[in-house]
N, C-alpha and C. Protein backbone atom coordinates (compact mmCIF):
# COMPACT_ATOMS: atom_id res chain seq x y z
N MET A 1 4.47 -13.24 -19.24
CA MET A 1 4.23 -12.16 -18.26
C MET A 1 2.75 -11.78 -18.26
N ILE A 2 2.17 -11.71 -17.09
CA ILE A 2 0.79 -11.26 -16.93
C ILE A 2 0.83 -9.78 -16.61
N GLY A 3 0.33 -8.94 -17.51
CA GLY A 3 0.45 -7.50 -17.35
C GLY A 3 -0.81 -6.80 -16.88
N ARG A 4 -1.97 -7.48 -17.03
CA ARG A 4 -3.22 -6.83 -16.65
C ARG A 4 -4.29 -7.89 -16.48
N LEU A 5 -5.20 -7.65 -15.53
CA LEU A 5 -6.32 -8.55 -15.32
C LEU A 5 -7.63 -7.77 -15.28
N ARG A 6 -8.66 -8.36 -15.87
CA ARG A 6 -10.02 -7.83 -15.76
C ARG A 6 -10.94 -8.99 -15.41
N GLY A 7 -11.63 -8.85 -14.31
CA GLY A 7 -12.51 -9.93 -13.88
C GLY A 7 -13.33 -9.52 -12.68
N THR A 8 -13.87 -10.51 -12.01
CA THR A 8 -14.73 -10.27 -10.85
C THR A 8 -13.94 -10.43 -9.56
N LEU A 9 -14.03 -9.44 -8.70
CA LEU A 9 -13.37 -9.51 -7.39
C LEU A 9 -14.17 -10.47 -6.52
N ILE A 10 -13.57 -11.61 -6.16
CA ILE A 10 -14.31 -12.61 -5.39
C ILE A 10 -13.81 -12.74 -3.96
N GLU A 11 -12.66 -12.20 -3.66
CA GLU A 11 -12.15 -12.28 -2.29
C GLU A 11 -11.25 -11.08 -2.02
N LYS A 12 -11.37 -10.54 -0.82
CA LYS A 12 -10.55 -9.38 -0.43
C LYS A 12 -10.14 -9.56 1.03
N GLN A 13 -8.90 -10.01 1.23
CA GLN A 13 -8.36 -10.24 2.55
C GLN A 13 -6.98 -9.59 2.59
N PRO A 14 -6.95 -8.26 2.84
CA PRO A 14 -5.69 -7.51 2.73
C PRO A 14 -4.52 -8.21 3.42
N PRO A 15 -3.34 -8.22 2.75
CA PRO A 15 -3.04 -7.58 1.46
C PRO A 15 -3.31 -8.47 0.25
N TRP A 16 -4.10 -9.56 0.41
CA TRP A 16 -4.38 -10.45 -0.71
C TRP A 16 -5.78 -10.23 -1.25
N ILE A 17 -5.89 -10.41 -2.56
CA ILE A 17 -7.19 -10.38 -3.22
C ILE A 17 -7.22 -11.51 -4.25
N VAL A 18 -8.43 -11.92 -4.62
CA VAL A 18 -8.58 -12.94 -5.66
C VAL A 18 -9.54 -12.41 -6.71
N ILE A 19 -9.13 -12.52 -7.97
CA ILE A 19 -9.95 -12.07 -9.09
C ILE A 19 -10.28 -13.26 -9.98
N ASP A 20 -11.56 -13.44 -10.25
CA ASP A 20 -12.01 -14.51 -11.14
C ASP A 20 -12.01 -13.99 -12.57
N VAL A 21 -11.21 -14.62 -13.41
CA VAL A 21 -11.14 -14.26 -14.83
C VAL A 21 -11.56 -15.48 -15.64
N ASN A 22 -12.79 -15.46 -16.12
CA ASN A 22 -13.31 -16.57 -16.93
C ASN A 22 -13.16 -17.91 -16.22
N GLY A 23 -13.44 -17.94 -14.93
CA GLY A 23 -13.40 -19.19 -14.19
C GLY A 23 -12.07 -19.52 -13.54
N VAL A 24 -11.05 -18.72 -13.80
CA VAL A 24 -9.74 -18.93 -13.18
C VAL A 24 -9.54 -17.88 -12.11
N GLY A 25 -9.25 -18.31 -10.88
CA GLY A 25 -9.03 -17.37 -9.79
C GLY A 25 -7.57 -16.99 -9.65
N TYR A 26 -7.27 -15.72 -9.86
CA TYR A 26 -5.90 -15.22 -9.72
C TYR A 26 -5.73 -14.58 -8.34
N GLU A 27 -4.76 -15.08 -7.58
CA GLU A 27 -4.47 -14.50 -6.27
C GLU A 27 -3.36 -13.48 -6.41
N LEU A 28 -3.61 -12.28 -5.91
CA LEU A 28 -2.63 -11.20 -6.01
C LEU A 28 -2.40 -10.58 -4.65
N GLU A 29 -1.23 -9.97 -4.49
CA GLU A 29 -0.97 -9.09 -3.36
C GLU A 29 -1.05 -7.66 -3.90
N ALA A 30 -1.63 -6.77 -3.11
CA ALA A 30 -1.79 -5.38 -3.56
C ALA A 30 -1.51 -4.43 -2.41
N SER A 31 -1.14 -3.21 -2.75
CA SER A 31 -0.91 -2.20 -1.72
C SER A 31 -2.24 -1.78 -1.11
N MET A 32 -2.19 -1.21 0.08
CA MET A 32 -3.42 -0.77 0.72
C MET A 32 -4.06 0.38 -0.05
N ASN A 33 -3.26 1.19 -0.72
CA ASN A 33 -3.83 2.27 -1.54
C ASN A 33 -4.70 1.70 -2.65
N THR A 34 -4.27 0.58 -3.23
CA THR A 34 -5.07 -0.07 -4.26
C THR A 34 -6.29 -0.75 -3.66
N ILE A 35 -6.10 -1.47 -2.54
CA ILE A 35 -7.20 -2.22 -1.94
C ILE A 35 -8.31 -1.30 -1.46
N VAL A 36 -7.95 -0.17 -0.86
CA VAL A 36 -8.97 0.77 -0.39
C VAL A 36 -9.85 1.26 -1.54
N GLY A 37 -9.28 1.37 -2.72
CA GLY A 37 -10.03 1.86 -3.87
C GLY A 37 -10.82 0.80 -4.61
N LEU A 38 -10.76 -0.46 -4.16
CA LEU A 38 -11.48 -1.52 -4.85
C LEU A 38 -12.97 -1.48 -4.53
N PRO A 39 -13.80 -1.95 -5.46
CA PRO A 39 -15.25 -2.03 -5.19
C PRO A 39 -15.54 -3.23 -4.27
N PRO A 40 -16.78 -3.40 -3.85
CA PRO A 40 -17.13 -4.58 -3.05
C PRO A 40 -16.93 -5.87 -3.85
N THR A 41 -16.80 -6.99 -3.14
CA THR A 41 -16.68 -8.27 -3.83
C THR A 41 -17.92 -8.51 -4.67
N GLY A 42 -17.70 -9.19 -5.80
CA GLY A 42 -18.80 -9.46 -6.72
C GLY A 42 -18.84 -8.49 -7.89
N GLU A 43 -18.08 -7.40 -7.80
CA GLU A 43 -18.06 -6.42 -8.89
C GLU A 43 -16.80 -6.58 -9.74
N GLU A 44 -16.86 -5.99 -10.94
CA GLU A 44 -15.74 -6.09 -11.87
C GLU A 44 -14.61 -5.16 -11.48
N VAL A 45 -13.38 -5.64 -11.65
CA VAL A 45 -12.19 -4.83 -11.39
C VAL A 45 -11.21 -4.97 -12.55
N ARG A 46 -10.40 -3.96 -12.71
CA ARG A 46 -9.31 -4.00 -13.68
C ARG A 46 -8.04 -3.55 -12.97
N LEU A 47 -7.02 -4.39 -12.99
CA LEU A 47 -5.78 -4.08 -12.31
C LEU A 47 -4.58 -4.31 -13.22
N HIS A 48 -3.60 -3.42 -13.12
CA HIS A 48 -2.30 -3.66 -13.72
C HIS A 48 -1.55 -4.63 -12.81
N THR A 49 -0.73 -5.49 -13.39
CA THR A 49 -0.06 -6.51 -12.59
C THR A 49 1.43 -6.60 -12.89
N HIS A 50 2.12 -7.20 -11.95
CA HIS A 50 3.55 -7.49 -12.13
C HIS A 50 3.79 -8.89 -11.58
N LEU A 51 4.41 -9.74 -12.38
CA LEU A 51 4.66 -11.13 -11.99
C LEU A 51 6.12 -11.31 -11.59
N VAL A 52 6.32 -11.87 -10.42
CA VAL A 52 7.66 -12.20 -9.93
C VAL A 52 7.80 -13.72 -9.91
N VAL A 53 8.78 -14.23 -10.64
CA VAL A 53 9.00 -15.67 -10.74
C VAL A 53 10.19 -16.06 -9.87
N ARG A 54 9.92 -16.93 -8.89
CA ARG A 54 10.98 -17.46 -8.04
C ARG A 54 11.06 -18.97 -8.23
N GLU A 55 12.10 -19.58 -7.66
CA GLU A 55 12.23 -21.02 -7.78
C GLU A 55 11.07 -21.75 -7.11
N ASP A 56 10.57 -21.17 -6.02
CA ASP A 56 9.53 -21.87 -5.26
C ASP A 56 8.13 -21.30 -5.44
N ALA A 57 7.99 -20.23 -6.23
CA ALA A 57 6.66 -19.63 -6.37
C ALA A 57 6.61 -18.63 -7.51
N HIS A 58 5.40 -18.43 -8.05
CA HIS A 58 5.12 -17.35 -8.97
C HIS A 58 4.20 -16.38 -8.22
N LEU A 59 4.65 -15.15 -7.99
CA LEU A 59 3.92 -14.19 -7.18
C LEU A 59 3.40 -13.06 -8.06
N LEU A 60 2.11 -12.78 -7.94
CA LEU A 60 1.47 -11.76 -8.76
C LEU A 60 1.06 -10.58 -7.89
N TYR A 61 1.44 -9.39 -8.31
CA TYR A 61 1.13 -8.16 -7.56
C TYR A 61 0.20 -7.30 -8.40
N GLY A 62 -0.80 -6.69 -7.75
CA GLY A 62 -1.78 -5.89 -8.46
C GLY A 62 -1.73 -4.42 -8.08
N PHE A 63 -2.05 -3.55 -9.06
CA PHE A 63 -1.95 -2.11 -8.87
C PHE A 63 -3.15 -1.41 -9.50
N GLY A 64 -3.65 -0.40 -8.80
CA GLY A 64 -4.82 0.31 -9.26
C GLY A 64 -4.59 1.13 -10.52
N ASP A 65 -3.36 1.56 -10.76
CA ASP A 65 -3.06 2.31 -11.98
C ASP A 65 -1.63 2.04 -12.41
N GLU A 66 -1.32 2.47 -13.62
CA GLU A 66 0.00 2.22 -14.20
C GLU A 66 1.10 2.93 -13.43
N LEU A 67 0.80 4.11 -12.89
CA LEU A 67 1.83 4.87 -12.19
C LEU A 67 2.30 4.14 -10.94
N GLU A 68 1.37 3.53 -10.20
CA GLU A 68 1.78 2.79 -9.01
C GLU A 68 2.63 1.58 -9.41
N ARG A 69 2.29 0.93 -10.50
CA ARG A 69 3.11 -0.20 -10.94
C ARG A 69 4.50 0.26 -11.34
N ARG A 70 4.59 1.40 -11.98
CA ARG A 70 5.91 1.93 -12.36
C ARG A 70 6.75 2.22 -11.13
N LEU A 71 6.12 2.79 -10.09
CA LEU A 71 6.84 3.04 -8.85
C LEU A 71 7.34 1.73 -8.24
N PHE A 72 6.48 0.73 -8.23
CA PHE A 72 6.85 -0.58 -7.71
C PHE A 72 8.06 -1.13 -8.46
N ARG A 73 8.03 -1.05 -9.77
CA ARG A 73 9.13 -1.59 -10.58
C ARG A 73 10.43 -0.82 -10.38
N GLU A 74 10.32 0.49 -10.16
CA GLU A 74 11.52 1.27 -9.87
C GLU A 74 12.07 0.92 -8.48
N LEU A 75 11.17 0.71 -7.52
CA LEU A 75 11.61 0.39 -6.16
C LEU A 75 12.36 -0.93 -6.11
N ILE A 76 11.88 -1.96 -6.81
CA ILE A 76 12.53 -3.26 -6.71
C ILE A 76 13.86 -3.30 -7.48
N ARG A 77 14.16 -2.26 -8.21
CA ARG A 77 15.48 -2.16 -8.86
C ARG A 77 16.56 -1.70 -7.89
N ILE A 78 16.14 -1.16 -6.75
CA ILE A 78 17.10 -0.64 -5.78
C ILE A 78 17.62 -1.77 -4.91
N SER A 79 18.91 -1.78 -4.69
CA SER A 79 19.56 -2.81 -3.89
C SER A 79 18.95 -2.85 -2.49
N GLY A 80 18.56 -4.03 -2.06
CA GLY A 80 17.99 -4.20 -0.72
C GLY A 80 16.49 -4.02 -0.65
N VAL A 81 15.86 -3.68 -1.77
CA VAL A 81 14.41 -3.50 -1.78
C VAL A 81 13.78 -4.59 -2.65
N GLY A 82 13.10 -5.52 -2.00
CA GLY A 82 12.41 -6.58 -2.72
C GLY A 82 10.94 -6.26 -2.90
N PRO A 83 10.20 -7.14 -3.56
CA PRO A 83 8.77 -6.90 -3.78
C PRO A 83 7.98 -6.66 -2.50
N ARG A 84 8.27 -7.41 -1.44
CA ARG A 84 7.52 -7.25 -0.19
C ARG A 84 7.76 -5.87 0.42
N MET A 85 9.01 -5.41 0.42
CA MET A 85 9.29 -4.08 0.97
C MET A 85 8.68 -3.00 0.08
N ALA A 86 8.76 -3.18 -1.23
CA ALA A 86 8.19 -2.19 -2.15
C ALA A 86 6.69 -2.06 -1.91
N LEU A 87 6.02 -3.20 -1.69
CA LEU A 87 4.58 -3.17 -1.43
C LEU A 87 4.29 -2.48 -0.10
N ALA A 88 5.14 -2.71 0.90
CA ALA A 88 4.95 -2.05 2.19
C ALA A 88 5.13 -0.54 2.07
N ILE A 89 6.07 -0.11 1.25
CA ILE A 89 6.29 1.32 1.03
C ILE A 89 5.07 1.94 0.38
N LEU A 90 4.53 1.29 -0.65
CA LEU A 90 3.37 1.80 -1.36
C LEU A 90 2.10 1.71 -0.52
N SER A 91 2.10 0.86 0.50
CA SER A 91 0.96 0.76 1.41
C SER A 91 1.04 1.82 2.49
N GLY A 92 2.24 2.09 2.96
CA GLY A 92 2.42 3.00 4.08
C GLY A 92 2.27 4.47 3.73
N MET A 93 2.42 4.82 2.46
CA MET A 93 2.27 6.21 2.04
C MET A 93 1.83 6.25 0.58
N ASP A 94 1.03 7.24 0.23
CA ASP A 94 0.65 7.37 -1.17
C ASP A 94 1.80 8.02 -1.93
N ARG A 95 1.66 8.10 -3.24
CA ARG A 95 2.79 8.57 -4.04
C ARG A 95 3.13 10.03 -3.79
N ILE A 96 2.14 10.84 -3.40
CA ILE A 96 2.43 12.23 -3.09
C ILE A 96 3.30 12.32 -1.85
N GLN A 97 2.95 11.57 -0.81
CA GLN A 97 3.75 11.57 0.40
C GLN A 97 5.15 11.02 0.13
N PHE A 98 5.22 9.99 -0.72
CA PHE A 98 6.50 9.39 -1.04
C PHE A 98 7.42 10.39 -1.74
N VAL A 99 6.88 11.10 -2.73
CA VAL A 99 7.69 12.08 -3.45
C VAL A 99 8.10 13.22 -2.52
N ARG A 100 7.23 13.61 -1.60
CA ARG A 100 7.59 14.64 -0.63
C ARG A 100 8.77 14.21 0.23
N CYS A 101 8.74 12.93 0.67
CA CYS A 101 9.87 12.42 1.46
C CYS A 101 11.17 12.51 0.67
N LEU A 102 11.09 12.20 -0.62
CA LEU A 102 12.29 12.26 -1.45
C LEU A 102 12.77 13.70 -1.61
N LYS A 103 11.84 14.60 -1.93
CA LYS A 103 12.22 16.00 -2.15
C LYS A 103 12.78 16.64 -0.89
N GLU A 104 12.18 16.31 0.26
CA GLU A 104 12.62 16.89 1.53
C GLU A 104 13.72 16.09 2.19
N GLN A 105 14.14 14.99 1.52
CA GLN A 105 15.17 14.09 2.06
C GLN A 105 14.81 13.66 3.48
N ASN A 106 13.56 13.28 3.65
CA ASN A 106 13.03 12.91 4.95
C ASN A 106 13.22 11.41 5.18
N ALA A 107 14.43 11.03 5.55
CA ALA A 107 14.73 9.62 5.79
C ALA A 107 13.98 9.10 7.01
N GLY A 108 13.72 9.97 7.98
CA GLY A 108 13.03 9.56 9.19
C GLY A 108 11.66 8.99 8.92
N ALA A 109 10.90 9.63 8.00
CA ALA A 109 9.56 9.14 7.67
C ALA A 109 9.64 7.78 6.99
N LEU A 110 10.63 7.60 6.14
CA LEU A 110 10.78 6.33 5.43
C LEU A 110 11.13 5.19 6.38
N THR A 111 11.92 5.48 7.42
CA THR A 111 12.32 4.43 8.35
C THR A 111 11.16 3.97 9.24
N ARG A 112 10.02 4.66 9.21
CA ARG A 112 8.85 4.19 9.96
C ARG A 112 8.14 3.04 9.23
N LEU A 113 8.53 2.81 7.99
CA LEU A 113 7.95 1.72 7.22
C LEU A 113 8.66 0.42 7.58
N PRO A 114 7.96 -0.72 7.57
CA PRO A 114 8.57 -1.99 7.99
C PRO A 114 9.73 -2.40 7.09
N GLY A 115 10.85 -2.75 7.71
CA GLY A 115 12.01 -3.23 6.97
C GLY A 115 12.90 -2.15 6.40
N VAL A 116 12.51 -0.88 6.49
CA VAL A 116 13.31 0.20 5.92
C VAL A 116 14.19 0.80 7.02
N GLY A 117 15.48 0.50 6.94
CA GLY A 117 16.43 1.08 7.88
C GLY A 117 17.00 2.37 7.34
N LYS A 118 17.91 2.96 8.10
CA LYS A 118 18.47 4.26 7.72
C LYS A 118 19.21 4.19 6.39
N LYS A 119 20.02 3.16 6.18
CA LYS A 119 20.78 3.05 4.94
C LYS A 119 19.87 2.86 3.74
N THR A 120 18.84 2.03 3.92
CA THR A 120 17.89 1.81 2.81
C THR A 120 17.14 3.10 2.50
N ALA A 121 16.75 3.84 3.54
CA ALA A 121 16.04 5.11 3.34
C ALA A 121 16.92 6.09 2.57
N GLU A 122 18.18 6.17 2.93
CA GLU A 122 19.10 7.07 2.23
C GLU A 122 19.28 6.65 0.78
N ARG A 123 19.34 5.33 0.55
CA ARG A 123 19.48 4.82 -0.81
C ARG A 123 18.24 5.15 -1.63
N LEU A 124 17.06 5.03 -1.01
CA LEU A 124 15.82 5.38 -1.70
C LEU A 124 15.82 6.85 -2.12
N ILE A 125 16.23 7.71 -1.21
CA ILE A 125 16.24 9.15 -1.50
C ILE A 125 17.17 9.47 -2.65
N ILE A 126 18.36 8.89 -2.64
CA ILE A 126 19.36 9.19 -3.67
C ILE A 126 18.94 8.64 -5.03
N GLU A 127 18.59 7.35 -5.07
CA GLU A 127 18.32 6.70 -6.35
C GLU A 127 16.95 7.06 -6.93
N MET A 128 15.93 7.13 -6.07
CA MET A 128 14.60 7.41 -6.58
C MET A 128 14.43 8.87 -6.98
N SER A 129 15.12 9.77 -6.31
CA SER A 129 15.00 11.19 -6.66
C SER A 129 15.41 11.44 -8.10
N ASP A 130 16.50 10.81 -8.53
CA ASP A 130 16.96 10.98 -9.90
C ASP A 130 15.96 10.41 -10.90
N ARG A 131 15.38 9.28 -10.58
CA ARG A 131 14.45 8.63 -11.51
C ARG A 131 13.12 9.37 -11.60
N LEU A 132 12.63 9.83 -10.46
CA LEU A 132 11.32 10.47 -10.45
C LEU A 132 11.33 11.85 -11.10
N SER A 133 12.51 12.46 -11.21
CA SER A 133 12.59 13.77 -11.85
C SER A 133 12.18 13.69 -13.32
N LYS A 134 12.16 12.48 -13.88
CA LYS A 134 11.79 12.28 -15.28
C LYS A 134 10.30 12.00 -15.45
N TRP A 135 9.56 12.03 -14.34
CA TRP A 135 8.14 11.71 -14.39
C TRP A 135 7.32 12.97 -14.15
N PRO A 136 6.92 13.68 -15.20
CA PRO A 136 6.17 14.93 -15.02
C PRO A 136 4.84 14.73 -14.32
N GLU A 137 4.21 13.54 -14.48
CA GLU A 137 2.93 13.31 -13.84
C GLU A 137 3.05 13.27 -12.32
N LEU A 138 4.19 12.82 -11.81
CA LEU A 138 4.41 12.82 -10.37
C LEU A 138 4.67 14.24 -9.87
N ALA A 139 5.42 15.00 -10.62
CA ALA A 139 5.68 16.38 -10.23
C ALA A 139 4.38 17.16 -10.17
N ARG A 140 3.48 16.86 -11.10
CA ARG A 140 2.19 17.54 -11.12
C ARG A 140 1.35 17.15 -9.91
N ASP A 141 1.41 15.86 -9.53
CA ASP A 141 0.64 15.40 -8.37
C ASP A 141 1.08 16.04 -7.08
N THR A 142 2.35 16.41 -6.97
CA THR A 142 2.87 16.90 -5.70
C THR A 142 2.60 18.38 -5.48
N ASN A 143 1.79 19.02 -6.32
CA ASN A 143 1.46 20.42 -6.09
C ASN A 143 0.56 20.59 -4.87
N ALA A 144 -0.23 19.58 -4.53
CA ALA A 144 -1.13 19.67 -3.37
C ALA A 144 -0.30 19.73 -2.09
N ASP A 145 -0.60 20.71 -1.22
CA ASP A 145 0.18 20.82 0.01
C ASP A 145 -0.67 20.68 1.26
N ASP A 146 -1.91 20.31 1.09
CA ASP A 146 -2.79 20.10 2.23
C ASP A 146 -2.89 18.60 2.50
N LEU A 147 -2.40 18.15 3.67
CA LEU A 147 -2.38 16.73 3.98
C LEU A 147 -3.78 16.13 3.95
N ALA A 148 -4.78 16.90 4.37
CA ALA A 148 -6.15 16.40 4.34
C ALA A 148 -6.57 16.09 2.90
N ALA A 149 -6.16 16.96 1.97
CA ALA A 149 -6.49 16.74 0.57
C ALA A 149 -5.77 15.51 0.04
N VAL A 150 -4.54 15.31 0.52
CA VAL A 150 -3.78 14.14 0.11
C VAL A 150 -4.50 12.88 0.54
N GLU A 151 -4.98 12.86 1.80
CA GLU A 151 -5.66 11.68 2.30
C GLU A 151 -6.93 11.40 1.49
N GLN A 152 -7.60 12.46 1.02
CA GLN A 152 -8.84 12.29 0.27
C GLN A 152 -8.61 11.60 -1.06
N LEU A 153 -7.40 11.71 -1.60
CA LEU A 153 -7.13 11.14 -2.91
C LEU A 153 -7.43 9.65 -2.94
N PHE A 154 -7.18 8.95 -1.82
CA PHE A 154 -7.45 7.53 -1.84
C PHE A 154 -8.44 7.09 -0.78
N ASP A 155 -8.84 7.96 0.12
CA ASP A 155 -9.82 7.59 1.12
C ASP A 155 -11.24 7.96 0.71
N GLY A 156 -11.37 8.99 -0.13
CA GLY A 156 -12.69 9.53 -0.42
C GLY A 156 -13.63 8.56 -1.09
N GLY A 157 -13.11 7.65 -1.92
CA GLY A 157 -14.00 6.77 -2.66
C GLY A 157 -14.33 5.48 -1.97
N ALA A 158 -13.85 5.27 -0.76
CA ALA A 158 -14.07 3.99 -0.10
C ALA A 158 -15.18 4.11 0.94
N ALA A 159 -16.27 3.43 0.73
CA ALA A 159 -17.38 3.49 1.66
C ALA A 159 -17.14 2.55 2.84
N PRO A 160 -17.50 2.97 4.04
CA PRO A 160 -17.31 2.11 5.19
C PRO A 160 -18.16 0.84 5.07
N ALA A 161 -17.57 -0.26 5.50
CA ALA A 161 -18.30 -1.53 5.48
C ALA A 161 -18.91 -1.77 6.84
N PRO A 162 -19.89 -2.67 6.93
CA PRO A 162 -20.48 -2.97 8.22
C PRO A 162 -19.44 -3.44 9.21
N VAL A 163 -19.64 -3.10 10.48
CA VAL A 163 -18.68 -3.46 11.51
C VAL A 163 -18.71 -4.97 11.72
N ALA A 164 -17.54 -5.57 11.82
CA ALA A 164 -17.43 -7.00 12.08
C ALA A 164 -16.51 -7.19 13.28
N GLU A 165 -16.80 -8.21 14.08
CA GLU A 165 -16.01 -8.45 15.27
C GLU A 165 -14.56 -8.76 14.94
N ASP A 166 -14.32 -9.35 13.78
CA ASP A 166 -12.96 -9.75 13.44
C ASP A 166 -12.22 -8.71 12.60
N ASN A 167 -12.76 -7.50 12.46
CA ASN A 167 -12.07 -6.47 11.68
C ASN A 167 -10.67 -6.19 12.21
N TYR A 168 -10.56 -6.08 13.53
CA TYR A 168 -9.25 -5.79 14.12
C TYR A 168 -8.29 -6.94 13.89
N ALA A 169 -8.77 -8.17 14.01
CA ALA A 169 -7.91 -9.33 13.79
C ALA A 169 -7.45 -9.39 12.34
N ASP A 170 -8.37 -9.12 11.40
CA ASP A 170 -8.00 -9.12 9.99
C ASP A 170 -6.99 -8.02 9.68
N ALA A 171 -7.21 -6.84 10.26
CA ALA A 171 -6.29 -5.72 10.03
C ALA A 171 -4.92 -6.02 10.62
N GLU A 172 -4.92 -6.61 11.80
CA GLU A 172 -3.64 -6.95 12.44
C GLU A 172 -2.87 -7.98 11.60
N SER A 173 -3.56 -8.97 11.07
CA SER A 173 -2.92 -9.98 10.23
C SER A 173 -2.33 -9.36 8.97
N ALA A 174 -3.06 -8.40 8.39
CA ALA A 174 -2.57 -7.73 7.18
C ALA A 174 -1.32 -6.92 7.48
N LEU A 175 -1.29 -6.21 8.59
CA LEU A 175 -0.11 -5.42 8.96
C LEU A 175 1.09 -6.32 9.19
N ILE A 176 0.86 -7.46 9.80
CA ILE A 176 1.96 -8.42 10.01
C ILE A 176 2.46 -8.93 8.66
N ALA A 177 1.53 -9.19 7.73
CA ALA A 177 1.91 -9.66 6.40
C ALA A 177 2.74 -8.61 5.65
N LEU A 178 2.50 -7.33 5.96
CA LEU A 178 3.26 -6.25 5.32
C LEU A 178 4.64 -6.10 5.92
N GLY A 179 4.90 -6.77 7.05
CA GLY A 179 6.25 -6.74 7.62
C GLY A 179 6.36 -6.20 9.04
N TYR A 180 5.25 -5.76 9.62
CA TYR A 180 5.29 -5.25 11.00
C TYR A 180 5.28 -6.42 11.98
N ARG A 181 5.96 -6.24 13.12
CA ARG A 181 5.93 -7.25 14.17
C ARG A 181 4.56 -7.26 14.82
N PRO A 182 4.13 -8.39 15.38
CA PRO A 182 2.80 -8.46 16.01
C PRO A 182 2.57 -7.38 17.05
N THR A 183 3.57 -7.09 17.88
CA THR A 183 3.40 -6.04 18.89
C THR A 183 3.24 -4.67 18.25
N GLU A 184 3.96 -4.43 17.14
CA GLU A 184 3.82 -3.15 16.43
C GLU A 184 2.44 -3.03 15.82
N ALA A 185 1.97 -4.12 15.20
CA ALA A 185 0.66 -4.10 14.55
C ALA A 185 -0.44 -3.82 15.58
N ALA A 186 -0.36 -4.47 16.73
CA ALA A 186 -1.37 -4.26 17.77
C ALA A 186 -1.36 -2.82 18.27
N LYS A 187 -0.17 -2.25 18.44
CA LYS A 187 -0.05 -0.87 18.91
C LYS A 187 -0.59 0.11 17.88
N MET A 188 -0.34 -0.15 16.60
CA MET A 188 -0.81 0.74 15.54
C MET A 188 -2.34 0.78 15.47
N LEU A 189 -2.98 -0.34 15.83
CA LEU A 189 -4.44 -0.41 15.74
C LEU A 189 -5.12 0.07 17.02
N ASN A 190 -4.37 0.13 18.10
CA ASN A 190 -4.96 0.50 19.38
C ASN A 190 -5.55 1.91 19.32
N GLY A 191 -6.83 2.04 19.70
CA GLY A 191 -7.47 3.34 19.76
C GLY A 191 -8.19 3.77 18.51
N LEU A 192 -8.15 2.95 17.44
CA LEU A 192 -8.82 3.34 16.20
C LEU A 192 -10.33 3.11 16.29
N ASP A 193 -11.05 3.83 15.47
CA ASP A 193 -12.52 3.79 15.46
C ASP A 193 -13.02 2.39 15.11
N THR A 194 -13.81 1.80 15.98
CA THR A 194 -14.32 0.45 15.75
C THR A 194 -15.35 0.39 14.62
N ASN A 195 -15.80 1.54 14.14
CA ASN A 195 -16.75 1.56 13.02
C ASN A 195 -16.07 1.43 11.66
N LEU A 196 -14.75 1.45 11.65
CA LEU A 196 -14.03 1.37 10.38
C LEU A 196 -14.00 -0.05 9.84
N ALA A 197 -14.06 -0.17 8.52
CA ALA A 197 -13.89 -1.46 7.87
C ALA A 197 -12.42 -1.88 7.97
N THR A 198 -12.15 -3.13 7.67
CA THR A 198 -10.78 -3.65 7.78
C THR A 198 -9.79 -2.83 6.98
N GLU A 199 -10.17 -2.53 5.71
CA GLU A 199 -9.25 -1.76 4.86
C GLU A 199 -8.96 -0.39 5.43
N GLN A 200 -10.00 0.26 5.99
CA GLN A 200 -9.81 1.59 6.54
C GLN A 200 -9.00 1.54 7.84
N LEU A 201 -9.17 0.48 8.62
CA LEU A 201 -8.35 0.31 9.82
C LEU A 201 -6.88 0.24 9.46
N ILE A 202 -6.59 -0.54 8.43
CA ILE A 202 -5.20 -0.70 8.01
C ILE A 202 -4.64 0.61 7.49
N LYS A 203 -5.42 1.28 6.63
CA LYS A 203 -4.95 2.53 6.04
C LYS A 203 -4.73 3.59 7.11
N THR A 204 -5.65 3.69 8.06
CA THR A 204 -5.52 4.67 9.13
C THR A 204 -4.31 4.36 10.01
N ALA A 205 -4.11 3.09 10.30
CA ALA A 205 -2.96 2.69 11.12
C ALA A 205 -1.65 3.03 10.42
N LEU A 206 -1.60 2.80 9.11
CA LEU A 206 -0.39 3.11 8.35
C LEU A 206 -0.14 4.61 8.31
N SER A 207 -1.20 5.39 8.12
CA SER A 207 -1.06 6.84 8.09
C SER A 207 -0.59 7.38 9.43
N SER A 208 -1.14 6.82 10.52
CA SER A 208 -0.73 7.25 11.85
C SER A 208 0.73 6.91 12.12
N ARG A 209 1.13 5.74 11.64
CA ARG A 209 2.52 5.31 11.80
C ARG A 209 3.45 6.27 11.08
N LEU A 210 3.05 6.67 9.88
CA LEU A 210 3.87 7.57 9.08
C LEU A 210 4.02 8.93 9.77
N SER A 211 2.94 9.44 10.32
CA SER A 211 2.99 10.75 10.95
C SER A 211 3.55 10.70 12.35
N GLY A 212 3.64 9.48 12.93
CA GLY A 212 4.18 9.33 14.26
C GLY A 212 3.20 9.70 15.34
N GLU A 213 1.90 9.88 14.98
CA GLU A 213 0.89 10.27 15.95
C GLU A 213 0.02 9.08 16.30
N ARG A 214 -0.51 9.04 17.52
CA ARG A 214 -1.43 8.02 17.93
C ARG A 214 -2.69 8.64 18.52
N GLY A 215 -3.79 7.96 18.36
CA GLY A 215 -5.06 8.43 18.90
C GLY A 215 -5.24 7.99 20.33
N GLY A 216 -6.49 8.06 20.79
CA GLY A 216 -6.78 7.68 22.16
C GLY A 216 -6.85 6.18 22.31
N LYS A 217 -7.16 5.73 23.49
CA LYS A 217 -7.22 4.32 23.79
C LYS A 217 -8.52 3.71 23.28
N ARG A 218 -8.41 2.46 22.89
CA ARG A 218 -9.60 1.76 22.41
C ARG A 218 -10.46 1.34 23.57
C-alpha cells in the first residue's frame, strides 16, 4: 500500500497530477480542493494517498490532508459509491459544505453532483451522518456559517495563472472526467471569467453547480 508521497510536482492536468519521487513518476487522481491548493509545477509537494487495486489497473488517489483521505475512505464504504464518485463528491464541495448537507439532510444539493441520484444521496445522509458524528475535527470546522469564508478556505491560497487559450478546453475535459456529461460541462463553464486559471475555472463551475446559480454569458 502506498500511503504517502513526497516529491516534485511535474504535471498538473486536472483531475490528474504526476509527482516525481526520486526519478519515478507517480500518476494520481485528486479532488479539485486538493489540486487548487497545489503549488506550481516544479515545486515540492506532499500528499496522502490511497491505492485501489483492480484486475485491470492500479489507481492512486491523492489528498491534501489526512482528513480528506478519511472522508474518501468512508465514502467508498457506502454501497453504490466508488472511488470516482467519491472523488467527484470531494471535488464538488468542500468538507464544510458536505457536513452541512448531511446535518441539514439536503439531498437536493448532493444530487447536483455527477452520478449521485436521490437514493444514493439519502444513503449518504443516513450512513455518513452516523460516522461523522465521531469526528470532532469536522464538527469544529462546521462552526463557520459564512459561505464566503468557506470558499476562502481553499480558494485563498491559489494564485491565478496566466490566461491560456485552452483553459476552457482543459477545464471542460476535467469536468467530463469527474462524471459530468459534455453538455453539462460546457453549460457549467459558460459565462465564467476568462482570466481564471484552469483549476479556478473548474472550482468555480463546481461551486456554481452546487448552489444552482449561473453567471452571465461568456
